[in-house]
Amino acid sequence: QVQLVESGGGLVQPGGSLRLSCAASGFTFSSYAMGWYRQAPGKQRELLAHIISGGSTNYAGSVKGRFTISRDNAKNTVYLQMNGLKPEDTAVYYCNKVPPPPNYWGQGTQVTVSS
């Protein structure tokens, strides 16, 4: 069965950096576009960045130039390097296929940006 395990979140000061990781299993990882999503309190989950199997990427305007998505198909892992973090980046971050399946999300990893 599909399993997605996000890690790497934490508390960081504004302007700081974090690198998130997502280990995937239960499907042919290299065949799927993967994305990073986030959900802030009281807001809908949003897609921040995605990467296709060949490596091409796309970003939401709110994170373009600050966040970088990458993948290692040999390790079934997708990463999100986050630089220049802002308080408004505070949210739970999830990875998933793009588009996501209707009935599965991992536990996510909390990112809190605060001084």
N, C-alpha and C. Protein backbone atom coordinates (compact mmCIF):
# COMPACT_ATOMS: atom_id res chain seq x y z
N GLN A 1 0.85 -1.18 0.00
CA GLN A 1 0.00 0.00 0.00
C GLN A 1 0.89 1.24 0.00
N VAL A 2 0.29 2.34 -0.46
CA VAL A 2 1.04 3.59 -0.53
C VAL A 2 1.38 4.06 0.88
N GLN A 3 2.63 4.47 1.04
CA GLN A 3 3.07 5.08 2.30
C GLN A 3 3.97 6.26 1.98
N LEU A 4 3.72 7.37 2.64
CA LEU A 4 4.52 8.58 2.49
C LEU A 4 4.90 9.06 3.89
N VAL A 5 6.19 9.21 4.13
CA VAL A 5 6.67 9.61 5.45
C VAL A 5 7.50 10.88 5.30
N GLU A 6 6.92 11.98 5.78
CA GLU A 6 7.60 13.27 5.72
C GLU A 6 8.43 13.51 6.97
N SER A 7 9.54 14.20 6.81
CA SER A 7 10.40 14.52 7.95
C SER A 7 11.18 15.79 7.66
N GLY A 8 11.80 16.34 8.71
CA GLY A 8 12.68 17.48 8.53
C GLY A 8 12.12 18.81 8.99
N GLY A 9 10.87 18.84 9.41
CA GLY A 9 10.29 20.09 9.89
C GLY A 9 10.86 20.50 11.23
N GLY A 10 10.42 21.66 11.67
CA GLY A 10 10.87 22.15 12.96
C GLY A 10 10.59 23.62 13.12
N LEU A 11 11.19 24.19 14.15
CA LEU A 11 11.06 25.62 14.44
C LEU A 11 12.30 26.33 13.90
N VAL A 12 12.07 27.38 13.14
CA VAL A 12 13.17 28.11 12.53
C VAL A 12 12.86 29.60 12.58
N GLN A 13 13.89 30.40 12.68
CA GLN A 13 13.70 31.85 12.69
C GLN A 13 13.44 32.37 11.28
N PRO A 14 12.77 33.50 11.16
CA PRO A 14 12.59 34.10 9.83
C PRO A 14 13.93 34.28 9.13
N GLY A 15 13.94 33.95 7.85
CA GLY A 15 15.17 34.01 7.07
C GLY A 15 15.95 32.72 7.08
N GLY A 16 15.57 31.79 7.92
CA GLY A 16 16.28 30.52 8.04
C GLY A 16 15.92 29.53 6.94
N SER A 17 16.51 28.34 7.07
CA SER A 17 16.34 27.30 6.07
C SER A 17 16.00 25.97 6.73
N LEU A 18 15.30 25.15 5.99
CA LEU A 18 15.02 23.76 6.37
C LEU A 18 15.02 22.92 5.11
N ARG A 19 15.33 21.64 5.28
CA ARG A 19 15.22 20.69 4.18
C ARG A 19 14.29 19.57 4.60
N LEU A 20 13.19 19.45 3.88
CA LEU A 20 12.23 18.40 4.14
C LEU A 20 12.52 17.20 3.25
N SER A 21 12.22 16.03 3.78
CA SER A 21 12.36 14.79 3.03
C SER A 21 11.05 14.02 3.09
N CYS A 22 10.81 13.24 2.05
CA CYS A 22 9.61 12.39 2.01
C CYS A 22 10.01 11.06 1.42
N ALA A 23 9.91 10.03 2.23
CA ALA A 23 10.19 8.67 1.77
C ALA A 23 8.90 8.02 1.32
N ALA A 24 8.90 7.52 0.09
CA ALA A 24 7.70 6.94 -0.49
C ALA A 24 7.87 5.43 -0.68
N SER A 25 6.78 4.71 -0.56
CA SER A 25 6.80 3.28 -0.81
C SER A 25 5.41 2.83 -1.22
N GLY A 26 5.34 1.63 -1.80
CA GLY A 26 4.05 1.06 -2.16
C GLY A 26 3.59 1.37 -3.56
N PHE A 27 4.40 2.09 -4.32
CA PHE A 27 4.07 2.36 -5.72
C PHE A 27 5.36 2.62 -6.48
N THR A 28 5.27 2.65 -7.80
CA THR A 28 6.45 2.85 -8.63
C THR A 28 6.79 4.34 -8.65
N PHE A 29 7.58 4.74 -7.68
CA PHE A 29 7.86 6.14 -7.41
C PHE A 29 8.34 6.87 -8.66
N SER A 30 9.24 6.29 -9.41
CA SER A 30 9.85 6.98 -10.54
C SER A 30 8.86 7.29 -11.66
N SER A 31 7.70 6.66 -11.63
CA SER A 31 6.71 6.85 -12.69
C SER A 31 5.77 8.03 -12.44
N TYR A 32 5.83 8.60 -11.25
CA TYR A 32 4.86 9.61 -10.85
C TYR A 32 5.47 10.98 -10.65
N ALA A 33 4.70 12.01 -11.04
CA ALA A 33 5.02 13.35 -10.60
C ALA A 33 4.74 13.42 -9.11
N MET A 34 5.64 14.10 -8.39
CA MET A 34 5.50 14.24 -6.94
C MET A 34 5.47 15.72 -6.57
N GLY A 35 4.78 16.02 -5.49
CA GLY A 35 4.68 17.41 -5.09
C GLY A 35 4.78 17.59 -3.59
N TRP A 36 5.07 18.81 -3.21
CA TRP A 36 5.00 19.23 -1.81
C TRP A 36 3.80 20.16 -1.66
N TYR A 37 3.03 19.90 -0.65
CA TYR A 37 1.84 20.67 -0.33
C TYR A 37 2.00 21.20 1.11
N ARG A 38 1.19 22.18 1.44
CA ARG A 38 1.15 22.62 2.83
C ARG A 38 -0.26 23.05 3.19
N GLN A 39 -0.54 22.96 4.48
CA GLN A 39 -1.82 23.41 4.99
C GLN A 39 -1.59 24.20 6.26
N ALA A 40 -1.94 25.46 6.20
CA ALA A 40 -1.85 26.33 7.37
C ALA A 40 -3.17 26.29 8.12
N PRO A 41 -3.16 26.62 9.41
CA PRO A 41 -4.40 26.60 10.19
C PRO A 41 -5.48 27.46 9.55
N GLY A 42 -6.65 26.87 9.38
CA GLY A 42 -7.78 27.60 8.82
C GLY A 42 -7.74 27.79 7.33
N LYS A 43 -6.77 27.19 6.66
CA LYS A 43 -6.65 27.36 5.21
C LYS A 43 -6.70 26.01 4.51
N GLN A 44 -6.99 26.05 3.23
CA GLN A 44 -6.99 24.82 2.44
C GLN A 44 -5.56 24.39 2.12
N ARG A 45 -5.42 23.11 1.90
CA ARG A 45 -4.14 22.57 1.49
C ARG A 45 -3.80 23.10 0.10
N GLU A 46 -2.54 23.50 -0.10
CA GLU A 46 -2.13 24.05 -1.38
C GLU A 46 -0.88 23.34 -1.90
N LEU A 47 -0.80 23.25 -3.21
CA LEU A 47 0.37 22.68 -3.86
C LEU A 47 1.43 23.76 -4.01
N LEU A 48 2.63 23.48 -3.49
CA LEU A 48 3.71 24.46 -3.54
C LEU A 48 4.66 24.23 -4.70
N ALA A 49 4.96 22.97 -4.94
CA ALA A 49 5.97 22.65 -5.95
C ALA A 49 5.75 21.23 -6.41
N HIS A 50 6.04 20.98 -7.68
CA HIS A 50 6.00 19.60 -8.12
C HIS A 50 7.14 19.32 -9.08
N ILE A 51 7.46 18.03 -9.18
CA ILE A 51 8.57 17.58 -10.01
C ILE A 51 8.12 16.32 -10.74
N ILE A 52 8.32 16.30 -12.05
CA ILE A 52 7.93 15.12 -12.81
C ILE A 52 9.06 14.10 -12.77
N SER A 53 8.80 12.95 -13.29
CA SER A 53 9.77 11.87 -13.18
C SER A 53 11.09 12.23 -13.84
N GLY A 54 11.02 13.03 -14.90
CA GLY A 54 12.24 13.42 -15.60
C GLY A 54 13.01 14.55 -14.95
N GLY A 55 12.40 15.18 -13.94
CA GLY A 55 13.12 16.20 -13.19
C GLY A 55 12.66 17.62 -13.41
N SER A 56 11.78 17.88 -14.37
CA SER A 56 11.28 19.25 -14.56
C SER A 56 10.43 19.65 -13.36
N THR A 57 10.52 20.93 -13.02
CA THR A 57 9.85 21.40 -11.81
C THR A 57 8.94 22.59 -12.09
N ASN A 58 8.03 22.82 -11.15
CA ASN A 58 7.16 23.98 -11.23
C ASN A 58 6.85 24.42 -9.81
N TYR A 59 6.65 25.73 -9.60
CA TYR A 59 6.47 26.28 -8.26
C TYR A 59 5.31 27.25 -8.21
N ALA A 60 4.67 27.28 -7.05
CA ALA A 60 3.69 28.32 -6.78
C ALA A 60 4.42 29.65 -6.63
N GLY A 61 3.72 30.72 -6.96
CA GLY A 61 4.36 32.03 -6.90
C GLY A 61 4.85 32.41 -5.52
N SER A 62 4.16 31.90 -4.49
CA SER A 62 4.51 32.28 -3.12
C SER A 62 5.86 31.72 -2.67
N VAL A 63 6.36 30.69 -3.36
CA VAL A 63 7.61 30.05 -2.93
C VAL A 63 8.69 30.07 -4.01
N LYS A 64 8.34 30.51 -5.19
CA LYS A 64 9.29 30.51 -6.30
C LYS A 64 10.50 31.37 -5.96
N GLY A 65 11.67 30.82 -6.19
CA GLY A 65 12.90 31.53 -5.87
C GLY A 65 13.41 31.29 -4.46
N ARG A 66 12.56 30.72 -3.60
CA ARG A 66 12.97 30.43 -2.22
C ARG A 66 13.03 28.93 -1.95
N PHE A 67 12.14 28.17 -2.55
CA PHE A 67 12.06 26.72 -2.32
C PHE A 67 12.54 25.98 -3.56
N THR A 68 13.16 24.82 -3.34
CA THR A 68 13.62 23.97 -4.44
C THR A 68 13.21 22.54 -4.17
N ILE A 69 12.49 21.96 -5.12
CA ILE A 69 12.09 20.56 -5.02
C ILE A 69 13.07 19.72 -5.82
N SER A 70 13.37 18.54 -5.30
CA SER A 70 14.23 17.60 -6.01
C SER A 70 13.80 16.18 -5.65
N ARG A 71 14.29 15.23 -6.39
CA ARG A 71 13.93 13.83 -6.12
C ARG A 71 15.12 12.93 -6.39
N ASP A 72 15.13 11.81 -5.69
CA ASP A 72 16.11 10.76 -5.91
C ASP A 72 15.32 9.49 -6.16
N ASN A 73 15.17 9.12 -7.40
CA ASN A 73 14.36 7.96 -7.75
C ASN A 73 14.96 6.66 -7.21
N ALA A 74 16.28 6.62 -7.06
CA ALA A 74 16.92 5.42 -6.51
C ALA A 74 16.56 5.22 -5.04
N LYS A 75 16.26 6.31 -4.35
CA LYS A 75 15.91 6.22 -2.93
C LYS A 75 14.42 6.40 -2.67
N ASN A 76 13.64 6.55 -3.75
CA ASN A 76 12.20 6.78 -3.60
C ASN A 76 11.91 7.94 -2.64
N THR A 77 12.66 9.01 -2.82
CA THR A 77 12.57 10.14 -1.90
C THR A 77 12.46 11.45 -2.67
N VAL A 78 11.62 12.33 -2.16
CA VAL A 78 11.50 13.68 -2.71
C VAL A 78 11.86 14.66 -1.60
N TYR A 79 12.51 15.74 -1.97
CA TYR A 79 13.03 16.72 -1.02
C TYR A 79 12.44 18.09 -1.31
N LEU A 80 12.44 18.93 -0.28
CA LEU A 80 12.09 20.33 -0.45
C LEU A 80 13.09 21.16 0.36
N GLN A 81 13.94 21.87 -0.35
CA GLN A 81 14.87 22.80 0.30
C GLN A 81 14.17 24.14 0.41
N MET A 82 14.07 24.63 1.63
CA MET A 82 13.35 25.88 1.87
C MET A 82 14.32 26.90 2.44
N ASN A 83 14.50 27.97 1.72
CA ASN A 83 15.37 29.07 2.15
C ASN A 83 14.54 30.33 2.31
N GLY A 84 15.08 31.29 3.04
CA GLY A 84 14.38 32.55 3.21
C GLY A 84 13.00 32.38 3.81
N LEU A 85 12.89 31.53 4.82
CA LEU A 85 11.57 31.24 5.38
C LEU A 85 10.96 32.46 6.04
N LYS A 86 9.63 32.55 5.91
CA LYS A 86 8.85 33.66 6.44
C LYS A 86 7.81 33.13 7.42
N PRO A 87 7.32 33.96 8.32
CA PRO A 87 6.28 33.49 9.25
C PRO A 87 5.07 32.91 8.52
N GLU A 88 4.75 33.43 7.37
CA GLU A 88 3.60 32.92 6.63
C GLU A 88 3.84 31.55 6.00
N ASP A 89 5.05 31.05 6.09
CA ASP A 89 5.33 29.69 5.65
C ASP A 89 4.97 28.65 6.72
N THR A 90 4.59 29.11 7.89
CA THR A 90 4.21 28.20 8.97
C THR A 90 3.00 27.37 8.55
N ALA A 91 3.16 26.05 8.61
CA ALA A 91 2.12 25.13 8.16
C ALA A 91 2.59 23.70 8.40
N VAL A 92 1.68 22.77 8.16
CA VAL A 92 2.06 21.36 8.06
C VAL A 92 2.34 21.07 6.60
N TYR A 93 3.49 20.47 6.33
CA TYR A 93 3.93 20.20 4.97
C TYR A 93 3.78 18.71 4.67
N TYR A 94 3.24 18.43 3.49
CA TYR A 94 2.98 17.07 3.04
C TYR A 94 3.59 16.86 1.67
N CYS A 95 3.97 15.63 1.38
CA CYS A 95 4.27 15.27 0.01
C CYS A 95 3.18 14.32 -0.48
N ASN A 96 3.03 14.25 -1.78
CA ASN A 96 2.09 13.32 -2.37
C ASN A 96 2.27 13.33 -3.88
N LYS A 97 1.60 12.40 -4.51
CA LYS A 97 1.58 12.40 -5.96
C LYS A 97 0.89 13.68 -6.45
N VAL A 98 1.15 13.99 -7.72
CA VAL A 98 0.44 15.09 -8.37
C VAL A 98 -0.26 14.54 -9.60
N PRO A 99 -1.58 14.59 -9.67
CA PRO A 99 -2.50 15.01 -8.60
C PRO A 99 -2.54 13.98 -7.48
N PRO A 100 -2.96 14.39 -6.30
CA PRO A 100 -2.96 13.47 -5.17
C PRO A 100 -4.12 12.48 -5.27
N PRO A 101 -3.94 11.30 -4.72
CA PRO A 101 -5.05 10.36 -4.66
C PRO A 101 -6.12 10.88 -3.70
N PRO A 102 -7.36 10.44 -3.85
CA PRO A 102 -8.45 11.03 -3.06
C PRO A 102 -8.45 10.63 -1.60
N ASN A 103 -7.73 9.57 -1.25
CA ASN A 103 -7.94 9.03 0.09
C ASN A 103 -6.65 8.74 0.85
N TYR A 104 -5.55 9.36 0.48
CA TYR A 104 -4.35 9.09 1.25
C TYR A 104 -3.45 10.32 1.35
N TRP A 105 -3.10 10.64 2.57
CA TRP A 105 -2.07 11.62 2.89
C TRP A 105 -1.24 11.08 4.04
N GLY A 106 0.04 11.42 4.03
CA GLY A 106 0.90 11.05 5.15
C GLY A 106 0.58 11.92 6.36
N GLN A 107 1.43 11.79 7.39
CA GLN A 107 1.17 12.54 8.63
C GLN A 107 1.65 13.98 8.54
N GLY A 108 2.48 14.26 7.56
CA GLY A 108 3.01 15.61 7.40
C GLY A 108 4.11 15.92 8.40
N THR A 109 4.74 17.07 8.19
CA THR A 109 5.77 17.54 9.11
C THR A 109 5.54 19.03 9.37
N GLN A 110 5.55 19.41 10.64
CA GLN A 110 5.23 20.78 11.01
C GLN A 110 6.43 21.69 10.80
N VAL A 111 6.19 22.80 10.13
CA VAL A 111 7.20 23.85 9.99
C VAL A 111 6.65 25.11 10.66
N THR A 112 7.41 25.63 11.59
CA THR A 112 7.02 26.84 12.29
C THR A 112 8.14 27.87 12.13
N VAL A 113 7.77 29.02 11.60
CA VAL A 113 8.73 30.10 11.38
C VAL A 113 8.38 31.23 12.33
N SER A 114 9.23 31.43 13.29
CA SER A 114 8.94 32.42 14.33
C SER A 114 10.23 32.83 15.01
N SER A 115 10.25 34.09 15.44
CA SER A 115 11.40 34.58 16.21
C SER A 115 11.15 34.42 17.70
